C-alpha atoms as a PDB file:
ATOM      1  CA  UNK A   1      66.619   9.769 -27.474  1.00  0.00           C
ATOM      2  CA  UNK A   2      66.393   5.859 -29.293  1.00  0.00           C
ATOM      3  CA  UNK A   3      64.672   5.230 -31.622  1.00  0.00           C
ATOM      4  CA  UNK A   4      63.162   2.280 -29.796  1.00  0.00           C
ATOM      5  CA  UNK A   5      61.456   4.242 -26.886  1.00  0.00           C
ATOM      6  CA  UNK A   6      60.615   7.244 -29.284  1.00  0.00           C
ATOM      7  CA  UNK A   7      58.770   4.320 -30.984  1.00  0.00           C
ATOM      8  CA  UNK A   8      57.488   3.825 -27.607  1.00  0.00           C
ATOM      9  CA  UNK A   9      56.533   6.811 -26.538  1.00  0.00           C
ATOM     10  CA  UNK A  10      55.296   7.455 -30.084  1.00  0.00           C
ATOM     11  CA  UNK A  11      52.382   4.155 -29.298  1.00  0.00           C
ATOM     12  CA  UNK A  12      51.341   4.716 -25.737  1.00  0.00           C
ATOM     13  CA  UNK A  13      50.049   8.633 -26.654  1.00  0.00           C
ATOM     14  CA  UNK A  14      48.688   7.686 -29.805  1.00  0.00           C
ATOM     15  CA  UNK A  15      47.532   4.447 -27.945  1.00  0.00           C
ATOM     16  CA  UNK A  16      45.853   7.704 -25.221  1.00  0.00           C
ATOM     17  CA  UNK A  17      44.420  10.184 -27.645  1.00  0.00           C
ATOM     18  CA  UNK A  18      42.797   6.537 -28.715  1.00  0.00           C
ATOM     19  CA  UNK A  19      41.253   6.289 -25.582  1.00  0.00           C
ATOM     20  CA  UNK A  20      40.636  10.015 -24.834  1.00  0.00           C
ATOM     21  CA  UNK A  21      38.566  10.436 -28.387  1.00  0.00           C
ATOM     22  CA  UNK A  22      36.338   6.722 -28.202  1.00  0.00           C
ATOM     23  CA  UNK A  23      36.338   6.561 -25.106  1.00  0.00           C
ATOM     24  CA  UNK A  24      35.602   9.839 -23.555  1.00  0.00           C
ATOM     25  CA  UNK A  25      37.929   9.965 -20.932  1.00  0.00           C
ATOM     26  CA  UNK A  26      40.385  12.664 -19.335  1.00  0.00           C
ATOM     27  CA  UNK A  27      44.470  12.444 -21.179  1.00  0.00           C
ATOM     28  CA  UNK A  28      45.427  11.570 -17.240  1.00  0.00           C
ATOM     29  CA  UNK A  29      42.861   8.353 -17.185  1.00  0.00           C
ATOM     30  CA  UNK A  30      43.927   7.384 -20.868  1.00  0.00           C
ATOM     31  CA  UNK A  31      48.122   7.740 -20.308  1.00  0.00           C
ATOM     32  CA  UNK A  32      47.478   5.419 -17.364  1.00  0.00           C
ATOM     33  CA  UNK A  33      45.776   2.864 -19.288  1.00  0.00           C
ATOM     34  CA  UNK A  34      47.949   3.038 -22.795  1.00  0.00           C
ATOM     35  CA  UNK A  35      51.235   3.194 -20.482  1.00  0.00           C
ATOM     36  CA  UNK A  36      49.675  -0.348 -18.771  1.00  0.00           C
ATOM     37  CA  UNK A  37      48.739  -2.113 -22.215  1.00  0.00           C
ATOM     38  CA  UNK A  38      52.124  -1.461 -23.928  1.00  0.00           C
ATOM     39  CA  UNK A  39      53.932  -2.929 -20.926  1.00  0.00           C
ATOM     40  CA  UNK A  40      50.997  -6.176 -20.775  1.00  0.00           C
ATOM     41  CA  UNK A  41      52.244  -5.898 -24.417  1.00  0.00           C
ATOM     42  CA  UNK A  42      55.856  -6.108 -23.794  1.00  0.00           C
ATOM     43  CA  UNK A  43      55.903  -8.476 -20.405  1.00  0.00           C
ATOM     44  CA  UNK A  44      53.696 -10.799 -23.260  1.00  0.00           C
ATOM     45  CA  UNK A  45      55.973 -10.750 -25.376  1.00  0.00           C
ATOM     46  CA  UNK A  46      58.040 -13.568 -23.450  1.00  0.00           C
ATOM     47  CA  UNK A  47      56.350 -14.779 -20.919  1.00  0.00           C
ATOM     48  CA  UNK A  48      52.557 -15.676 -19.174  1.00  0.00           C
ATOM     49  CA  UNK A  49      51.499 -12.904 -17.563  1.00  0.00           C
ATOM     50  CA  UNK A  50      48.213 -13.195 -15.191  1.00  0.00           C
ATOM     51  CA  UNK A  51      46.020  -9.394 -15.502  1.00  0.00           C
ATOM     52  CA  UNK A  52      42.836  -8.192 -15.623  1.00  0.00           C
ATOM     53  CA  UNK A  53      39.866  -6.384 -17.469  1.00  0.00           C
ATOM     54  CA  UNK A  54      36.864  -4.756 -17.165  1.00  0.00           C
ATOM     55  CA  UNK A  55      34.154  -7.225 -19.752  1.00  0.00           C
ATOM     56  CA  UNK A  56      31.435  -5.666 -21.004  1.00  0.00           C
ATOM     57  CA  UNK A  57      29.200  -6.660 -18.450  1.00  0.00           C
ATOM     58  CA  UNK A  58      31.465  -4.955 -15.564  1.00  0.00           C
ATOM     59  CA  UNK A  59      32.898  -7.448 -13.951  1.00  0.00           C
ATOM     60  CA  UNK A  60      36.151  -7.714 -13.492  1.00  0.00           C
ATOM     61  CA  UNK A  61      37.704 -11.099 -15.030  1.00  0.00           C
ATOM     62  CA  UNK A  62      41.581 -12.707 -14.007  1.00  0.00           C
ATOM     63  CA  UNK A  63      43.261 -13.593 -16.927  1.00  0.00           C
ATOM     64  CA  UNK A  64      46.420 -15.736 -17.926  1.00  0.00           C
ATOM     65  CA  UNK A  65      47.310 -15.041 -21.134  1.00  0.00           C
ATOM     66  CA  UNK A  66      50.981 -14.665 -23.083  1.00  0.00           C
ATOM     67  CA  UNK A  67      52.134 -13.809 -27.206  1.00  0.00           C
ATOM     68  CA  UNK A  68      55.142 -15.808 -26.904  1.00  0.00           C
ATOM     69  CA  UNK A  69      55.659 -17.875 -29.933  1.00  0.00           C
ATOM     70  CA  UNK A  70      56.953 -20.794 -27.998  1.00  0.00           C
ATOM     71  CA  UNK A  71      54.266 -20.881 -25.415  1.00  0.00           C
ATOM     72  CA  UNK A  72      51.066 -20.354 -28.366  1.00  0.00           C
ATOM     73  CA  UNK A  73      50.081 -23.411 -30.787  1.00  0.00           C
ATOM     74  CA  UNK A  74      51.563 -22.608 -34.682  1.00  0.00           C
ATOM     75  CA  UNK A  75      48.331 -20.570 -36.132  1.00  0.00           C
ATOM     76  CA  UNK A  76      48.456 -21.720 -39.802  1.00  0.00           C
ATOM     77  CA  UNK A  77      46.531 -19.379 -42.969  1.00  0.00           C
ATOM     78  CA  UNK A  78      46.473 -15.809 -43.976  1.00  0.00           C
ATOM     79  CA  UNK A  79      43.559 -13.962 -42.573  1.00  0.00           C
ATOM     80  CA  UNK A  80      41.631 -11.270 -44.803  1.00  0.00           C
ATOM     81  CA  UNK A  81      39.954 -10.305 -41.598  1.00  0.00           C
ATOM     82  CA  UNK A  82      41.398  -6.683 -40.780  1.00  0.00           C
ATOM     83  CA  UNK A  83      42.781  -5.859 -37.054  1.00  0.00           C
ATOM     84  CA  UNK A  84      40.631  -4.401 -35.153  1.00  0.00           C
ATOM     85  CA  UNK A  85      43.174  -2.163 -33.479  1.00  0.00           C
ATOM     86  CA  UNK A  86      40.839  -1.449 -30.170  1.00  0.00           C
ATOM     87  CA  UNK A  87      40.934  -5.060 -28.934  1.00  0.00           C
ATOM     88  CA  UNK A  88      44.056  -6.861 -27.400  1.00  0.00           C
ATOM     89  CA  UNK A  89      43.877 -10.509 -28.402  1.00  0.00           C
ATOM     90  CA  UNK A  90      45.711 -13.098 -26.652  1.00  0.00           C
ATOM     91  CA  UNK A  91      46.719 -17.044 -25.860  1.00  0.00           C
ATOM     92  CA  UNK A  92      44.979 -17.457 -22.899  1.00  0.00           C
ATOM     93  CA  UNK A  93      46.585 -20.499 -20.673  1.00  0.00           C
ATOM     94  CA  UNK A  94      44.084 -21.570 -18.878  1.00  0.00           C
ATOM     95  CA  UNK A  95      41.743 -22.266 -21.386  1.00  0.00           C
ATOM     96  CA  UNK A  96      43.929 -23.370 -24.189  1.00  0.00           C
ATOM     97  CA  UNK A  97      42.206 -20.701 -27.539  1.00  0.00           C
ATOM     98  CA  UNK A  98      42.506 -17.242 -27.857  1.00  0.00           C
ATOM     99  CA  UNK A  99      40.708 -14.256 -26.557  1.00  0.00           C
ATOM    100  CA  UNK A 100      40.760 -10.663 -26.914  1.00  0.00           C
ATOM    101  CA  UNK A 101      39.005  -7.880 -24.537  1.00  0.00           C
ATOM    102  CA  UNK A 102      39.055  -3.918 -25.378  1.00  0.00           C
ATOM    103  CA  UNK A 103      42.394  -2.321 -24.554  1.00  0.00           C
ATOM    104  CA  UNK A 104      40.273   0.672 -22.935  1.00  0.00           C
ATOM    105  CA  UNK A 105      39.458  -2.105 -20.099  1.00  0.00           C
ATOM    106  CA  UNK A 106      42.711  -3.323 -19.353  1.00  0.00           C
ATOM    107  CA  UNK A 107      42.321  -2.845 -15.410  1.00  0.00           C
ATOM    108  CA  UNK A 108      45.718  -3.240 -13.547  1.00  0.00           C
ATOM    109  CA  UNK A 109      48.963  -6.244 -14.182  1.00  0.00           C
ATOM    110  CA  UNK A 110      50.856  -8.029 -12.172  1.00  0.00           C
END
């Protein structure tokens, strides 16, 4: 098995266990959402992706986002803030701003 594949599987299982521990999901649900998150991040690294997530108030939001460097504005400076591993940041191409959502709330992607 290649190192890249092992790394991907490790990331999926780590994320799934995080969902089980923090959100009380079953392992089956957690694995499904973890795979969605990994696929979303891979797709956003190269293009604009339409995806859906559940907001804090319970409504479903449709978003168009990307992480591709050629499609995002340059970020200057270094941040002293710690990274939060429970949220996914993305560049919202409709609002032209950086946004985030809870990884456990990812609903679907197209």
